[in-house]
Amino acid sequence: MDKCLYPVSQQLFNKDINPIIETAYSAAGKPKKISNYQVFCATMYILRTGVGWRDLPKCYGYWHSIYLRFKKSSDRGLWWKVLVALQRNKDIMMNIVMSDSTTMKMHRHGGGLKGGFKQEEKASVV
């Protein structure tokens, strides 16, 4: 397996991560076509590279299925539980940085045109 596409080994996933994921979902309903390992690695790929969901490599499966599983688990707080459990077991070291846009400096051209959309409409008409 490619280490860039699958950053976590299957053994580590089955031992530490999969039990946490299994507790968040019930066994009722259709069986999943995409494994929890595939969804986890796809999510890690998205977070690491910053690509859009539609640009997810085909080896993970259909992007929309993975997005829906990520969204449902994120709404349940599953990813925080996974990160906290991994840090508690000393499998990862996590540093969280939060930033507020009011403290960020921006280039003077980064704000757009002076006056907003009114000048853009006039410029496109002329």
N, C-alpha and C. Protein backbone atom coordinates (compact mmCIF):
# COMPACT_ATOMS: atom_id res chain seq x y z
N MET A 1 0.82 -1.19 0.00
CA MET A 1 0.00 0.00 0.00
C MET A 1 0.86 1.25 0.00
N ASP A 2 0.34 2.26 -0.68
CA ASP A 2 1.03 3.53 -0.75
C ASP A 2 0.90 4.27 0.58
N LYS A 3 2.02 4.65 1.15
CA LYS A 3 2.03 5.31 2.47
C LYS A 3 1.37 6.69 2.41
N CYS A 4 1.39 7.33 1.25
CA CYS A 4 0.73 8.64 1.12
C CYS A 4 -0.79 8.49 1.14
N LEU A 5 -1.31 7.42 0.53
CA LEU A 5 -2.75 7.23 0.48
C LEU A 5 -3.29 6.56 1.73
N TYR A 6 -2.48 5.71 2.35
CA TYR A 6 -2.90 4.99 3.57
C TYR A 6 -1.87 5.23 4.66
N PRO A 7 -1.98 6.37 5.39
CA PRO A 7 -0.94 6.74 6.37
C PRO A 7 -0.95 5.90 7.63
N VAL A 8 -2.05 5.19 7.90
CA VAL A 8 -2.16 4.37 9.11
C VAL A 8 -2.20 2.91 8.69
N SER A 9 -1.46 2.08 9.41
CA SER A 9 -1.47 0.66 9.07
C SER A 9 -2.81 0.03 9.46
N GLN A 10 -3.15 -1.04 8.76
CA GLN A 10 -4.41 -1.74 9.03
C GLN A 10 -4.43 -2.28 10.46
N GLN A 11 -3.28 -2.73 10.97
CA GLN A 11 -3.21 -3.28 12.32
C GLN A 11 -3.49 -2.21 13.38
N LEU A 12 -2.86 -1.05 13.24
CA LEU A 12 -3.09 0.04 14.18
C LEU A 12 -4.55 0.49 14.12
N PHE A 13 -5.09 0.56 12.91
CA PHE A 13 -6.48 0.97 12.77
C PHE A 13 -7.42 -0.02 13.46
N ASN A 14 -7.22 -1.31 13.22
CA ASN A 14 -8.10 -2.32 13.82
C ASN A 14 -7.97 -2.37 15.34
N LYS A 15 -6.76 -2.08 15.84
CA LYS A 15 -6.53 -2.16 17.28
C LYS A 15 -7.06 -0.94 18.04
N ASP A 16 -6.80 0.26 17.52
CA ASP A 16 -7.09 1.48 18.28
C ASP A 16 -8.26 2.30 17.76
N ILE A 17 -8.43 2.38 16.46
CA ILE A 17 -9.39 3.33 15.89
C ILE A 17 -10.74 2.69 15.59
N ASN A 18 -10.73 1.51 15.01
CA ASN A 18 -11.98 0.87 14.60
C ASN A 18 -12.95 0.63 15.76
N PRO A 19 -12.49 0.21 16.95
CA PRO A 19 -13.46 0.05 18.05
C PRO A 19 -14.20 1.34 18.40
N ILE A 20 -13.55 2.48 18.29
CA ILE A 20 -14.20 3.75 18.58
C ILE A 20 -15.25 4.06 17.51
N ILE A 21 -14.90 3.79 16.26
CA ILE A 21 -15.84 4.03 15.16
C ILE A 21 -17.03 3.10 15.26
N GLU A 22 -16.79 1.85 15.61
CA GLU A 22 -17.89 0.87 15.71
C GLU A 22 -18.90 1.25 16.78
N THR A 23 -18.45 1.88 17.86
CA THR A 23 -19.39 2.27 18.92
C THR A 23 -20.30 3.42 18.49
N ALA A 24 -19.87 4.20 17.50
CA ALA A 24 -20.66 5.35 17.06
C ALA A 24 -21.78 4.97 16.10
N TYR A 25 -21.67 3.80 15.48
CA TYR A 25 -22.66 3.37 14.50
C TYR A 25 -23.37 2.12 15.00
N SER A 26 -24.62 1.97 14.60
CA SER A 26 -25.35 0.73 14.90
C SER A 26 -25.17 -0.23 13.72
N ALA A 27 -25.42 -1.50 13.96
CA ALA A 27 -25.26 -2.50 12.91
C ALA A 27 -26.51 -2.62 12.05
N ALA A 28 -27.54 -1.86 12.35
CA ALA A 28 -28.78 -1.92 11.58
C ALA A 28 -28.59 -1.26 10.22
N GLY A 29 -29.40 -1.69 9.26
CA GLY A 29 -29.36 -1.10 7.93
C GLY A 29 -28.51 -1.91 6.97
N LYS A 30 -28.28 -1.31 5.81
CA LYS A 30 -27.49 -1.99 4.78
C LYS A 30 -26.04 -2.12 5.22
N PRO A 31 -25.38 -3.20 4.81
CA PRO A 31 -23.94 -3.27 5.08
C PRO A 31 -23.20 -2.21 4.26
N LYS A 32 -22.16 -1.69 4.84
CA LYS A 32 -21.39 -0.63 4.20
C LYS A 32 -20.57 -1.20 3.04
N LYS A 33 -20.57 -0.49 1.91
CA LYS A 33 -19.78 -0.91 0.75
C LYS A 33 -18.32 -0.49 0.91
N ILE A 34 -18.11 0.60 1.66
CA ILE A 34 -16.76 1.12 1.88
C ILE A 34 -16.41 0.89 3.35
N SER A 35 -15.26 0.31 3.59
CA SER A 35 -14.87 -0.03 4.96
C SER A 35 -14.54 1.23 5.77
N ASN A 36 -14.57 1.08 7.07
CA ASN A 36 -14.20 2.18 7.96
C ASN A 36 -12.75 2.61 7.73
N TYR A 37 -11.90 1.65 7.40
CA TYR A 37 -10.49 1.95 7.12
C TYR A 37 -10.37 2.86 5.90
N GLN A 38 -11.14 2.56 4.85
CA GLN A 38 -11.10 3.38 3.65
C GLN A 38 -11.59 4.80 3.95
N VAL A 39 -12.67 4.92 4.72
CA VAL A 39 -13.22 6.23 5.06
C VAL A 39 -12.23 7.02 5.91
N PHE A 40 -11.62 6.36 6.87
CA PHE A 40 -10.64 7.02 7.73
C PHE A 40 -9.45 7.52 6.92
N CYS A 41 -8.89 6.68 6.08
CA CYS A 41 -7.73 7.08 5.27
C CYS A 41 -8.10 8.17 4.27
N ALA A 42 -9.31 8.09 3.70
CA ALA A 42 -9.75 9.13 2.77
C ALA A 42 -9.90 10.47 3.50
N THR A 43 -10.42 10.43 4.70
CA THR A 43 -10.56 11.66 5.50
C THR A 43 -9.19 12.23 5.83
N MET A 44 -8.26 11.38 6.20
CA MET A 44 -6.91 11.85 6.47
C MET A 44 -6.27 12.47 5.22
N TYR A 45 -6.54 11.87 4.06
CA TYR A 45 -6.02 12.40 2.80
C TYR A 45 -6.59 13.79 2.52
N ILE A 46 -7.90 13.95 2.72
CA ILE A 46 -8.55 15.24 2.49
C ILE A 46 -7.98 16.30 3.43
N LEU A 47 -7.84 15.96 4.71
CA LEU A 47 -7.33 16.92 5.68
C LEU A 47 -5.87 17.27 5.43
N ARG A 48 -5.09 16.28 4.97
CA ARG A 48 -3.67 16.52 4.75
C ARG A 48 -3.42 17.34 3.49
N THR A 49 -4.12 17.05 2.39
CA THR A 49 -3.84 17.70 1.12
C THR A 49 -4.69 18.93 0.87
N GLY A 50 -5.90 18.97 1.44
CA GLY A 50 -6.78 20.11 1.24
C GLY A 50 -7.55 20.08 -0.07
N VAL A 51 -7.55 18.95 -0.77
CA VAL A 51 -8.29 18.85 -2.02
C VAL A 51 -9.79 18.78 -1.73
N GLY A 52 -10.58 19.06 -2.73
CA GLY A 52 -12.02 18.96 -2.59
C GLY A 52 -12.46 17.51 -2.55
N TRP A 53 -13.67 17.29 -2.06
CA TRP A 53 -14.16 15.91 -1.95
C TRP A 53 -14.27 15.25 -3.31
N ARG A 54 -14.62 16.01 -4.33
CA ARG A 54 -14.76 15.42 -5.68
C ARG A 54 -13.42 15.00 -6.28
N ASP A 55 -12.34 15.54 -5.76
CA ASP A 55 -11.01 15.19 -6.26
C ASP A 55 -10.35 14.06 -5.48
N LEU A 56 -11.11 13.38 -4.67
CA LEU A 56 -10.60 12.26 -3.89
C LEU A 56 -10.19 11.12 -4.82
N PRO A 57 -9.02 10.50 -4.63
CA PRO A 57 -8.61 9.41 -5.52
C PRO A 57 -9.62 8.26 -5.52
N LYS A 58 -9.75 7.61 -6.66
CA LYS A 58 -10.74 6.54 -6.85
C LYS A 58 -10.47 5.32 -5.97
N CYS A 59 -9.25 5.16 -5.50
CA CYS A 59 -8.92 3.97 -4.70
C CYS A 59 -9.68 3.93 -3.38
N TYR A 60 -10.20 5.08 -2.92
CA TYR A 60 -10.95 5.11 -1.67
C TYR A 60 -12.41 4.73 -1.87
N GLY A 61 -12.92 4.90 -3.05
CA GLY A 61 -14.33 4.64 -3.32
C GLY A 61 -15.02 5.91 -3.78
N TYR A 62 -16.33 5.85 -3.88
CA TYR A 62 -17.12 6.98 -4.36
C TYR A 62 -17.04 8.12 -3.35
N TRP A 63 -16.70 9.30 -3.82
CA TRP A 63 -16.43 10.44 -2.94
C TRP A 63 -17.64 10.84 -2.13
N HIS A 64 -18.84 10.77 -2.69
CA HIS A 64 -20.02 11.24 -1.98
C HIS A 64 -20.37 10.32 -0.81
N SER A 65 -20.16 9.03 -0.98
CA SER A 65 -20.39 8.10 0.13
C SER A 65 -19.44 8.39 1.29
N ILE A 66 -18.19 8.65 0.95
CA ILE A 66 -17.19 8.95 1.98
C ILE A 66 -17.52 10.28 2.66
N TYR A 67 -17.94 11.26 1.87
CA TYR A 67 -18.31 12.55 2.45
C TYR A 67 -19.48 12.41 3.42
N LEU A 68 -20.51 11.65 3.03
CA LEU A 68 -21.67 11.48 3.91
C LEU A 68 -21.29 10.78 5.21
N ARG A 69 -20.43 9.77 5.12
CA ARG A 69 -20.00 9.09 6.35
C ARG A 69 -19.18 10.04 7.22
N PHE A 70 -18.32 10.84 6.60
CA PHE A 70 -17.54 11.82 7.35
C PHE A 70 -18.46 12.83 8.02
N LYS A 71 -19.44 13.34 7.29
CA LYS A 71 -20.36 14.36 7.82
C LYS A 71 -21.16 13.81 9.00
N LYS A 72 -21.69 12.59 8.87
CA LYS A 72 -22.47 12.01 9.97
C LYS A 72 -21.60 11.79 11.20
N SER A 73 -20.41 11.27 10.98
CA SER A 73 -19.53 11.01 12.13
C SER A 73 -19.02 12.31 12.73
N SER A 74 -18.82 13.32 11.92
CA SER A 74 -18.38 14.61 12.44
C SER A 74 -19.49 15.26 13.27
N ASP A 75 -20.73 15.12 12.83
CA ASP A 75 -21.84 15.67 13.61
C ASP A 75 -21.97 14.98 14.96
N ARG A 76 -21.58 13.72 15.04
CA ARG A 76 -21.65 12.97 16.30
C ARG A 76 -20.43 13.19 17.18
N GLY A 77 -19.43 13.91 16.69
CA GLY A 77 -18.23 14.16 17.48
C GLY A 77 -17.25 12.99 17.47
N LEU A 78 -17.39 12.12 16.49
CA LEU A 78 -16.56 10.91 16.44
C LEU A 78 -15.09 11.23 16.22
N TRP A 79 -14.77 12.20 15.39
CA TRP A 79 -13.37 12.47 15.07
C TRP A 79 -12.62 13.02 16.28
N TRP A 80 -13.30 13.80 17.12
CA TRP A 80 -12.64 14.26 18.34
C TRP A 80 -12.38 13.10 19.27
N LYS A 81 -13.32 12.17 19.35
CA LYS A 81 -13.12 10.99 20.20
C LYS A 81 -11.92 10.18 19.71
N VAL A 82 -11.79 10.03 18.40
CA VAL A 82 -10.67 9.27 17.84
C VAL A 82 -9.36 9.98 18.16
N LEU A 83 -9.29 11.29 17.94
CA LEU A 83 -8.05 12.03 18.21
C LEU A 83 -7.67 11.99 19.68
N VAL A 84 -8.64 12.15 20.55
CA VAL A 84 -8.35 12.12 21.99
C VAL A 84 -7.87 10.73 22.40
N ALA A 85 -8.50 9.68 21.88
CA ALA A 85 -8.09 8.32 22.23
C ALA A 85 -6.68 8.02 21.72
N LEU A 86 -6.36 8.46 20.52
CA LEU A 86 -5.02 8.23 19.99
C LEU A 86 -3.97 9.00 20.77
N GLN A 87 -4.29 10.20 21.19
CA GLN A 87 -3.32 10.96 21.97
C GLN A 87 -3.17 10.36 23.37
N ARG A 88 -4.27 9.86 23.94
CA ARG A 88 -4.21 9.23 25.26
C ARG A 88 -3.32 7.98 25.22
N ASN A 89 -3.39 7.23 24.11
CA ASN A 89 -2.58 6.01 23.97
C ASN A 89 -1.16 6.31 23.51
N LYS A 90 -0.84 7.59 23.33
CA LYS A 90 0.49 8.01 22.87
C LYS A 90 0.80 7.51 21.46
N ASP A 91 -0.25 7.29 20.64
CA ASP A 91 -0.04 6.89 19.26
C ASP A 91 0.24 8.10 18.38
N ILE A 92 -0.30 9.25 18.76
CA ILE A 92 -0.05 10.48 18.03
C ILE A 92 0.22 11.59 19.03
N MET A 93 0.82 12.67 18.53
CA MET A 93 0.97 13.87 19.34
C MET A 93 0.22 14.97 18.60
N MET A 94 -0.70 15.61 19.28
CA MET A 94 -1.57 16.56 18.62
C MET A 94 -1.40 17.94 19.23
N ASN A 95 -1.18 18.91 18.36
CA ASN A 95 -1.15 20.31 18.76
C ASN A 95 -2.28 21.00 18.02
N ILE A 96 -3.13 21.68 18.76
CA ILE A 96 -4.26 22.37 18.15
C ILE A 96 -3.97 23.86 18.15
N VAL A 97 -4.13 24.47 17.00
CA VAL A 97 -3.93 25.90 16.85
C VAL A 97 -5.24 26.48 16.32
N MET A 98 -5.77 27.45 17.03
CA MET A 98 -6.98 28.12 16.57
C MET A 98 -6.61 29.56 16.23
N SER A 99 -7.13 30.03 15.11
CA SER A 99 -6.85 31.40 14.72
C SER A 99 -8.16 32.12 14.43
N ASP A 100 -8.12 33.40 14.61
CA ASP A 100 -9.27 34.24 14.37
C ASP A 100 -8.91 35.20 13.24
N SER A 101 -9.84 35.39 12.32
CA SER A 101 -9.53 36.21 11.16
C SER A 101 -9.29 37.67 11.52
N THR A 102 -9.72 38.11 12.68
CA THR A 102 -9.47 39.50 13.06
C THR A 102 -8.01 39.74 13.41
N THR A 103 -7.26 38.69 13.66
CA THR A 103 -5.85 38.87 14.01
C THR A 103 -4.93 38.63 12.82
N MET A 104 -5.47 38.27 11.67
CA MET A 104 -4.65 37.99 10.50
C MET A 104 -4.46 39.26 9.67
N LYS A 105 -3.25 39.47 9.24
CA LYS A 105 -2.99 40.59 8.34
C LYS A 105 -3.17 40.11 6.91
N MET A 106 -3.73 40.99 6.09
CA MET A 106 -4.00 40.64 4.71
C MET A 106 -3.34 41.67 3.80
N HIS A 107 -2.95 41.23 2.63
CA HIS A 107 -2.42 42.16 1.65
C HIS A 107 -3.53 43.13 1.24
N ARG A 108 -3.17 44.34 0.89
CA ARG A 108 -4.21 45.33 0.60
C ARG A 108 -5.07 44.97 -0.60
N HIS A 109 -4.58 44.12 -1.49
CA HIS A 109 -5.38 43.70 -2.63
C HIS A 109 -6.25 42.48 -2.31
N GLY A 110 -6.08 41.92 -1.14
CA GLY A 110 -6.82 40.72 -0.78
C GLY A 110 -8.27 40.98 -0.41
N GLY A 111 -8.64 42.23 -0.18
CA GLY A 111 -10.01 42.55 0.22
C GLY A 111 -10.95 42.79 -0.94
N GLY A 112 -10.47 42.79 -2.16
CA GLY A 112 -11.34 43.05 -3.30
C GLY A 112 -11.36 44.52 -3.66
N LEU A 113 -12.29 44.89 -4.53
CA LEU A 113 -12.40 46.26 -4.98
C LEU A 113 -12.94 47.17 -3.89
N LYS A 114 -12.56 48.42 -3.94
CA LYS A 114 -13.07 49.40 -2.99
C LYS A 114 -14.54 49.65 -3.31
N GLY A 115 -15.39 49.55 -2.33
CA GLY A 115 -16.81 49.77 -2.53
C GLY A 115 -17.59 48.49 -2.75
N GLY A 116 -16.93 47.38 -2.91
CA GLY A 116 -17.62 46.09 -3.02
C GLY A 116 -18.17 45.81 -4.41
N PHE A 117 -19.37 45.24 -4.45
CA PHE A 117 -19.95 44.77 -5.69
C PHE A 117 -20.47 45.88 -6.58
N LYS A 118 -20.74 47.06 -6.03
CA LYS A 118 -21.29 48.15 -6.83
C LYS A 118 -20.34 48.52 -7.95
N GLN A 119 -19.05 48.63 -7.66
CA GLN A 119 -18.08 48.99 -8.68
C GLN A 119 -17.87 47.84 -9.66
N GLU A 120 -17.97 46.61 -9.21
CA GLU A 120 -17.81 45.47 -10.10
C GLU A 120 -18.92 45.45 -11.14
N GLU A 121 -20.16 45.76 -10.72
CA GLU A 121 -21.29 45.79 -11.65
C GLU A 121 -21.09 46.89 -12.67
N LYS A 122 -20.64 48.07 -12.24
CA LYS A 122 -20.41 49.18 -13.16
C LYS A 122 -19.29 48.84 -14.13
N ALA A 123 -18.26 48.16 -13.64
CA ALA A 123 -17.13 47.83 -14.51
C ALA A 123 -17.53 46.83 -15.56
N SER A 124 -18.44 45.89 -15.25
CA SER A 124 -18.85 44.90 -16.24
C SER A 124 -19.81 45.49 -17.26
N VAL A 125 -20.55 46.54 -16.89
CA VAL A 125 -21.49 47.18 -17.82
C VAL A 125 -20.75 48.05 -18.80
N VAL A 126 -19.70 48.73 -18.37
CA VAL A 126 -18.96 49.66 -19.21
C VAL A 126 -18.14 48.95 -20.22
